[in-house]
Amino acid sequence: QVQLVESGGGLVQAGGSLRLSCVGSGRAFSSYTVAWFRQAPGTGREFVASSRRYGSSTHYADSVKGRFTISRDNAKSTVYLQMNNLKLEDTAVYYCAADSGVILSSHYSSSSYSYWGQGAQVTVSS
């Protein structure tokens, strides 16, 4: 069992930066693939970025590539999402998700993840 707690959301102007944190509890957090998803009002949950188990590789949605960076500190059981050059369309609730059995071909699918955080609101204003 893994519990995930996000923090770091808030209100920022377009072009600004925020860093989200996701702290995991439970054993062997480093063996979990961890991903960030986001959901804007009236839309489905959208893949943002993922960090494969042990940090072996990272993947990004095209919409955030070059602006967002996912990283992990396994000693602290924490995964970060550094968001730079934020745009209005980045406004959403951001969720951290984790699972130990994610296969590479499905890391972008929310159904691949068993554990979810409560979400952190990110609002980008003009």
N, C-alpha and C. Protein backbone atom coordinates (compact mmCIF):
# COMPACT_ATOMS: atom_id res chain seq x y z
N GLN A 1 0.84 -1.18 0.00
CA GLN A 1 0.00 0.00 0.00
C GLN A 1 0.88 1.24 0.00
N VAL A 2 0.55 2.20 -0.83
CA VAL A 2 1.30 3.45 -0.93
C VAL A 2 0.32 4.61 -0.78
N GLN A 3 0.69 5.57 0.03
CA GLN A 3 -0.08 6.80 0.13
C GLN A 3 0.72 7.94 -0.46
N LEU A 4 0.06 8.78 -1.22
CA LEU A 4 0.72 9.88 -1.92
C LEU A 4 0.12 11.20 -1.48
N VAL A 5 0.98 12.17 -1.22
CA VAL A 5 0.53 13.49 -0.80
C VAL A 5 1.22 14.53 -1.66
N GLU A 6 0.42 15.32 -2.40
CA GLU A 6 0.97 16.38 -3.24
C GLU A 6 1.00 17.70 -2.48
N SER A 7 1.91 18.55 -2.89
CA SER A 7 1.96 19.92 -2.37
C SER A 7 2.63 20.80 -3.41
N GLY A 8 2.49 22.11 -3.23
CA GLY A 8 3.18 23.04 -4.10
C GLY A 8 2.32 23.73 -5.13
N GLY A 9 1.05 23.42 -5.17
CA GLY A 9 0.18 24.10 -6.12
C GLY A 9 -0.05 25.54 -5.71
N GLY A 10 -0.72 26.29 -6.60
CA GLY A 10 -1.02 27.68 -6.28
C GLY A 10 -1.38 28.48 -7.50
N LEU A 11 -1.37 29.78 -7.32
CA LEU A 11 -1.71 30.73 -8.38
C LEU A 11 -0.42 31.38 -8.88
N VAL A 12 -0.26 31.40 -10.20
CA VAL A 12 0.95 31.99 -10.78
C VAL A 12 0.57 32.68 -12.08
N GLN A 13 1.31 33.71 -12.43
CA GLN A 13 1.06 34.39 -13.69
C GLN A 13 1.66 33.60 -14.86
N ALA A 14 1.08 33.79 -16.01
CA ALA A 14 1.61 33.14 -17.21
C ALA A 14 3.09 33.49 -17.37
N GLY A 15 3.88 32.47 -17.72
CA GLY A 15 5.32 32.66 -17.83
C GLY A 15 6.07 32.34 -16.56
N GLY A 16 5.35 32.18 -15.46
CA GLY A 16 5.97 31.89 -14.19
C GLY A 16 6.25 30.42 -13.99
N SER A 17 6.70 30.09 -12.77
CA SER A 17 7.10 28.72 -12.46
C SER A 17 6.49 28.25 -11.14
N LEU A 18 6.29 26.95 -11.04
CA LEU A 18 5.88 26.30 -9.81
C LEU A 18 6.55 24.94 -9.75
N ARG A 19 6.72 24.44 -8.53
CA ARG A 19 7.22 23.09 -8.37
C ARG A 19 6.26 22.31 -7.48
N LEU A 20 5.78 21.22 -8.02
CA LEU A 20 4.93 20.31 -7.26
C LEU A 20 5.76 19.20 -6.66
N SER A 21 5.37 18.77 -5.47
CA SER A 21 6.03 17.65 -4.81
C SER A 21 5.00 16.55 -4.52
N CYS A 22 5.47 15.33 -4.59
CA CYS A 22 4.62 14.17 -4.28
C CYS A 22 5.43 13.27 -3.35
N VAL A 23 5.00 13.19 -2.11
CA VAL A 23 5.68 12.36 -1.13
C VAL A 23 4.94 11.04 -0.97
N GLY A 24 5.66 9.95 -1.11
CA GLY A 24 5.06 8.63 -0.99
C GLY A 24 5.43 7.94 0.31
N SER A 25 4.48 7.24 0.87
CA SER A 25 4.76 6.45 2.06
C SER A 25 4.71 4.98 1.67
N GLY A 26 5.23 4.14 2.49
CA GLY A 26 5.26 2.73 2.15
C GLY A 26 6.64 2.29 1.72
N ARG A 27 6.78 1.01 1.58
CA ARG A 27 8.09 0.45 1.29
C ARG A 27 8.47 0.53 -0.18
N ALA A 28 9.75 0.57 -0.42
CA ALA A 28 10.29 0.42 -1.78
C ALA A 28 9.69 1.41 -2.77
N PHE A 29 9.57 2.66 -2.36
CA PHE A 29 9.00 3.67 -3.25
C PHE A 29 9.79 3.78 -4.54
N SER A 30 11.08 3.52 -4.47
CA SER A 30 11.92 3.62 -5.67
C SER A 30 11.55 2.61 -6.73
N SER A 31 10.87 1.55 -6.34
CA SER A 31 10.49 0.51 -7.31
C SER A 31 9.17 0.82 -8.01
N TYR A 32 8.58 1.97 -7.71
CA TYR A 32 7.32 2.36 -8.32
C TYR A 32 7.55 3.32 -9.48
N THR A 33 6.81 3.14 -10.54
CA THR A 33 6.70 4.17 -11.56
C THR A 33 5.76 5.24 -11.01
N VAL A 34 6.18 6.50 -11.12
CA VAL A 34 5.37 7.60 -10.63
C VAL A 34 5.07 8.55 -11.78
N ALA A 35 3.85 8.98 -11.85
CA ALA A 35 3.44 9.88 -12.94
C ALA A 35 2.64 11.05 -12.40
N TRP A 36 2.62 12.10 -13.20
CA TRP A 36 1.75 13.23 -12.94
C TRP A 36 0.68 13.27 -14.03
N PHE A 37 -0.54 13.46 -13.60
CA PHE A 37 -1.67 13.68 -14.49
C PHE A 37 -2.31 15.01 -14.10
N ARG A 38 -3.12 15.54 -15.00
CA ARG A 38 -3.86 16.75 -14.67
C ARG A 38 -5.26 16.67 -15.25
N GLN A 39 -6.14 17.41 -14.60
CA GLN A 39 -7.53 17.41 -15.04
C GLN A 39 -8.08 18.83 -14.92
N ALA A 40 -8.45 19.39 -16.06
CA ALA A 40 -9.08 20.70 -16.09
C ALA A 40 -10.60 20.50 -16.01
N PRO A 41 -11.34 21.52 -15.58
CA PRO A 41 -12.80 21.38 -15.47
C PRO A 41 -13.43 20.94 -16.78
N GLY A 42 -14.27 19.93 -16.70
CA GLY A 42 -15.00 19.46 -17.87
C GLY A 42 -14.19 18.59 -18.82
N THR A 43 -13.00 18.21 -18.41
CA THR A 43 -12.16 17.37 -19.27
C THR A 43 -11.76 16.10 -18.53
N GLY A 44 -11.18 15.16 -19.28
CA GLY A 44 -10.69 13.93 -18.67
C GLY A 44 -9.30 14.12 -18.08
N ARG A 45 -8.84 13.10 -17.41
CA ARG A 45 -7.52 13.15 -16.78
C ARG A 45 -6.46 12.96 -17.87
N GLU A 46 -5.50 13.86 -17.91
CA GLU A 46 -4.50 13.92 -18.98
C GLU A 46 -3.11 13.60 -18.43
N PHE A 47 -2.39 12.75 -19.14
CA PHE A 47 -1.01 12.42 -18.77
C PHE A 47 -0.12 13.65 -18.95
N VAL A 48 0.77 13.87 -17.98
CA VAL A 48 1.71 14.99 -18.05
C VAL A 48 3.15 14.48 -18.16
N ALA A 49 3.56 13.64 -17.22
CA ALA A 49 4.93 13.15 -17.20
C ALA A 49 5.02 11.92 -16.32
N SER A 50 6.05 11.11 -16.56
CA SER A 50 6.25 9.93 -15.72
C SER A 50 7.73 9.69 -15.49
N SER A 51 8.01 9.07 -14.36
CA SER A 51 9.36 8.66 -14.01
C SER A 51 9.30 7.16 -13.73
N ARG A 52 10.02 6.41 -14.57
CA ARG A 52 9.97 4.97 -14.42
C ARG A 52 10.65 4.53 -13.12
N ARG A 53 10.35 3.32 -12.69
CA ARG A 53 10.91 2.79 -11.47
C ARG A 53 12.42 2.96 -11.47
N TYR A 54 12.91 3.29 -10.29
CA TYR A 54 14.33 3.55 -10.07
C TYR A 54 14.82 4.75 -10.89
N GLY A 55 13.89 5.54 -11.45
CA GLY A 55 14.29 6.69 -12.22
C GLY A 55 15.01 6.34 -13.51
N SER A 56 14.72 5.17 -14.05
CA SER A 56 15.46 4.68 -15.22
C SER A 56 15.18 5.50 -16.48
N SER A 57 14.00 6.11 -16.55
CA SER A 57 13.70 6.94 -17.71
C SER A 57 12.54 7.88 -17.36
N THR A 58 12.42 8.93 -18.13
CA THR A 58 11.31 9.88 -17.94
C THR A 58 10.60 10.09 -19.28
N HIS A 59 9.33 10.45 -19.19
CA HIS A 59 8.53 10.65 -20.39
C HIS A 59 7.61 11.84 -20.17
N TYR A 60 7.31 12.55 -21.25
CA TYR A 60 6.52 13.76 -21.16
C TYR A 60 5.45 13.82 -22.25
N ALA A 61 4.35 14.44 -21.91
CA ALA A 61 3.37 14.77 -22.93
C ALA A 61 3.96 15.86 -23.83
N ASP A 62 3.58 15.84 -25.09
CA ASP A 62 4.10 16.83 -26.03
C ASP A 62 3.79 18.26 -25.58
N SER A 63 2.66 18.43 -24.92
CA SER A 63 2.22 19.77 -24.53
C SER A 63 3.10 20.40 -23.45
N VAL A 64 3.88 19.60 -22.75
CA VAL A 64 4.71 20.14 -21.67
C VAL A 64 6.20 19.93 -21.92
N LYS A 65 6.54 19.22 -22.96
CA LYS A 65 7.94 18.91 -23.24
C LYS A 65 8.74 20.19 -23.41
N GLY A 66 9.87 20.26 -22.73
CA GLY A 66 10.71 21.44 -22.80
C GLY A 66 10.37 22.49 -21.74
N ARG A 67 9.22 22.35 -21.10
CA ARG A 67 8.82 23.30 -20.06
C ARG A 67 8.76 22.65 -18.68
N PHE A 68 8.35 21.39 -18.62
CA PHE A 68 8.21 20.68 -17.35
C PHE A 68 9.32 19.65 -17.20
N THR A 69 9.72 19.42 -15.96
CA THR A 69 10.74 18.41 -15.67
C THR A 69 10.29 17.58 -14.48
N ILE A 70 10.27 16.26 -14.66
CA ILE A 70 9.97 15.35 -13.55
C ILE A 70 11.28 14.80 -13.02
N SER A 71 11.38 14.74 -11.71
CA SER A 71 12.58 14.19 -11.08
C SER A 71 12.16 13.49 -9.79
N ARG A 72 13.06 12.67 -9.27
CA ARG A 72 12.72 11.96 -8.04
C ARG A 72 13.92 11.87 -7.13
N ASP A 73 13.63 11.91 -5.84
CA ASP A 73 14.63 11.71 -4.80
C ASP A 73 14.16 10.49 -4.02
N ASN A 74 14.70 9.34 -4.37
CA ASN A 74 14.21 8.10 -3.75
C ASN A 74 14.54 8.03 -2.26
N ALA A 75 15.60 8.68 -1.86
CA ALA A 75 15.94 8.69 -0.43
C ALA A 75 14.87 9.40 0.39
N LYS A 76 14.18 10.34 -0.25
CA LYS A 76 13.11 11.08 0.42
C LYS A 76 11.73 10.59 -0.02
N SER A 77 11.70 9.57 -0.85
CA SER A 77 10.42 9.05 -1.37
C SER A 77 9.59 10.17 -1.97
N THR A 78 10.24 11.01 -2.74
CA THR A 78 9.58 12.20 -3.28
C THR A 78 9.82 12.32 -4.78
N VAL A 79 8.77 12.67 -5.49
CA VAL A 79 8.85 12.97 -6.91
C VAL A 79 8.43 14.42 -7.10
N TYR A 80 9.14 15.13 -7.95
CA TYR A 80 8.89 16.54 -8.19
C TYR A 80 8.43 16.76 -9.63
N LEU A 81 7.67 17.82 -9.80
CA LEU A 81 7.34 18.28 -11.15
C LEU A 81 7.65 19.78 -11.19
N GLN A 82 8.76 20.11 -11.84
CA GLN A 82 9.13 21.50 -12.02
C GLN A 82 8.44 22.02 -13.26
N MET A 83 7.65 23.06 -13.11
CA MET A 83 6.87 23.61 -14.22
C MET A 83 7.34 25.03 -14.50
N ASN A 84 7.90 25.24 -15.67
CA ASN A 84 8.39 26.56 -16.08
C ASN A 84 7.59 27.08 -17.26
N ASN A 85 7.67 28.36 -17.47
CA ASN A 85 6.97 28.99 -18.59
C ASN A 85 5.51 28.54 -18.65
N LEU A 86 4.84 28.66 -17.53
CA LEU A 86 3.46 28.18 -17.45
C LEU A 86 2.53 28.97 -18.35
N LYS A 87 1.55 28.27 -18.91
CA LYS A 87 0.58 28.86 -19.81
C LYS A 87 -0.82 28.74 -19.21
N LEU A 88 -1.72 29.55 -19.73
CA LEU A 88 -3.09 29.52 -19.22
C LEU A 88 -3.67 28.12 -19.29
N GLU A 89 -3.34 27.41 -20.35
CA GLU A 89 -3.90 26.07 -20.56
C GLU A 89 -3.30 25.02 -19.62
N ASP A 90 -2.33 25.40 -18.81
CA ASP A 90 -1.80 24.47 -17.80
C ASP A 90 -2.65 24.46 -16.54
N THR A 91 -3.63 25.35 -16.47
CA THR A 91 -4.51 25.40 -15.31
C THR A 91 -5.28 24.10 -15.17
N ALA A 92 -5.16 23.47 -14.01
CA ALA A 92 -5.80 22.17 -13.77
C ALA A 92 -5.51 21.72 -12.34
N VAL A 93 -6.17 20.65 -11.95
CA VAL A 93 -5.78 19.94 -10.74
C VAL A 93 -4.76 18.88 -11.15
N TYR A 94 -3.63 18.89 -10.49
CA TYR A 94 -2.54 17.98 -10.82
C TYR A 94 -2.52 16.84 -9.79
N TYR A 95 -2.46 15.62 -10.32
CA TYR A 95 -2.47 14.42 -9.49
C TYR A 95 -1.17 13.64 -9.66
N CYS A 96 -0.69 13.16 -8.56
CA CYS A 96 0.43 12.23 -8.54
C CYS A 96 -0.14 10.82 -8.49
N ALA A 97 0.46 9.90 -9.25
CA ALA A 97 -0.01 8.52 -9.27
C ALA A 97 1.20 7.58 -9.26
N ALA A 98 1.00 6.39 -8.71
CA ALA A 98 2.11 5.44 -8.61
C ALA A 98 1.62 4.02 -8.75
N ASP A 99 2.49 3.18 -9.26
CA ASP A 99 2.21 1.75 -9.33
C ASP A 99 3.53 1.02 -9.56
N SER A 100 3.61 -0.20 -9.08
CA SER A 100 4.83 -0.98 -9.25
C SER A 100 4.83 -1.84 -10.50
N GLY A 101 3.68 -1.92 -11.17
CA GLY A 101 3.58 -2.84 -12.31
C GLY A 101 3.30 -2.17 -13.63
N VAL A 102 3.70 -0.93 -13.78
CA VAL A 102 3.42 -0.20 -15.02
C VAL A 102 4.36 -0.66 -16.12
N ILE A 103 3.80 -1.06 -17.23
CA ILE A 103 4.65 -1.41 -18.37
C ILE A 103 4.85 -0.17 -19.24
N LEU A 104 5.97 -0.15 -19.95
CA LEU A 104 6.37 1.06 -20.66
C LEU A 104 5.31 1.52 -21.66
N SER A 105 4.69 0.58 -22.33
CA SER A 105 3.74 0.95 -23.38
C SER A 105 2.47 1.58 -22.84
N SER A 106 2.24 1.51 -21.54
CA SER A 106 1.00 2.04 -20.98
C SER A 106 1.23 3.03 -19.86
N HIS A 107 2.41 3.59 -19.78
CA HIS A 107 2.73 4.50 -18.67
C HIS A 107 1.93 5.78 -18.73
N TYR A 108 1.37 6.09 -19.90
CA TYR A 108 0.63 7.34 -20.08
C TYR A 108 -0.86 7.18 -19.72
N SER A 109 -1.27 5.97 -19.41
CA SER A 109 -2.68 5.68 -19.15
C SER A 109 -2.98 5.72 -17.66
N SER A 110 -4.00 6.48 -17.28
CA SER A 110 -4.35 6.59 -15.86
C SER A 110 -4.77 5.25 -15.28
N SER A 111 -5.28 4.36 -16.09
CA SER A 111 -5.73 3.05 -15.59
C SER A 111 -4.57 2.15 -15.18
N SER A 112 -3.35 2.55 -15.50
CA SER A 112 -2.17 1.75 -15.14
C SER A 112 -1.73 1.97 -13.69
N TYR A 113 -2.32 2.94 -13.04
CA TYR A 113 -1.85 3.34 -11.72
C TYR A 113 -2.90 3.03 -10.64
N SER A 114 -2.44 2.40 -9.57
CA SER A 114 -3.34 1.98 -8.50
C SER A 114 -3.46 3.02 -7.39
N TYR A 115 -2.42 3.81 -7.23
CA TYR A 115 -2.38 4.73 -6.10
C TYR A 115 -2.37 6.18 -6.59
N TRP A 116 -3.18 7.00 -5.93
CA TRP A 116 -3.35 8.39 -6.35
C TRP A 116 -3.31 9.32 -5.13
N GLY A 117 -2.77 10.51 -5.38
CA GLY A 117 -2.82 11.55 -4.37
C GLY A 117 -4.14 12.30 -4.45
N GLN A 118 -4.28 13.27 -3.58
CA GLN A 118 -5.54 14.00 -3.47
C GLN A 118 -5.66 15.14 -4.49
N GLY A 119 -4.56 15.49 -5.12
CA GLY A 119 -4.59 16.54 -6.13
C GLY A 119 -4.13 17.88 -5.60
N ALA A 120 -3.53 18.67 -6.48
CA ALA A 120 -3.07 20.02 -6.14
C ALA A 120 -3.52 20.97 -7.24
N GLN A 121 -4.17 22.04 -6.85
CA GLN A 121 -4.68 23.00 -7.84
C GLN A 121 -3.55 23.90 -8.33
N VAL A 122 -3.44 24.00 -9.64
CA VAL A 122 -2.52 24.95 -10.28
C VAL A 122 -3.36 25.87 -11.14
N THR A 123 -3.26 27.15 -10.88
CA THR A 123 -4.02 28.14 -11.64
C THR A 123 -3.05 29.14 -12.24
N VAL A 124 -3.10 29.28 -13.55
CA VAL A 124 -2.24 30.22 -14.27
C VAL A 124 -3.11 31.38 -14.75
N SER A 125 -2.73 32.58 -14.38
CA SER A 125 -3.51 33.76 -14.74
C SER A 125 -2.76 34.61 -15.77
N SER A 126 -3.52 35.41 -16.48
CA SER A 126 -2.91 36.27 -17.52
C SER A 126 -2.43 37.58 -16.93
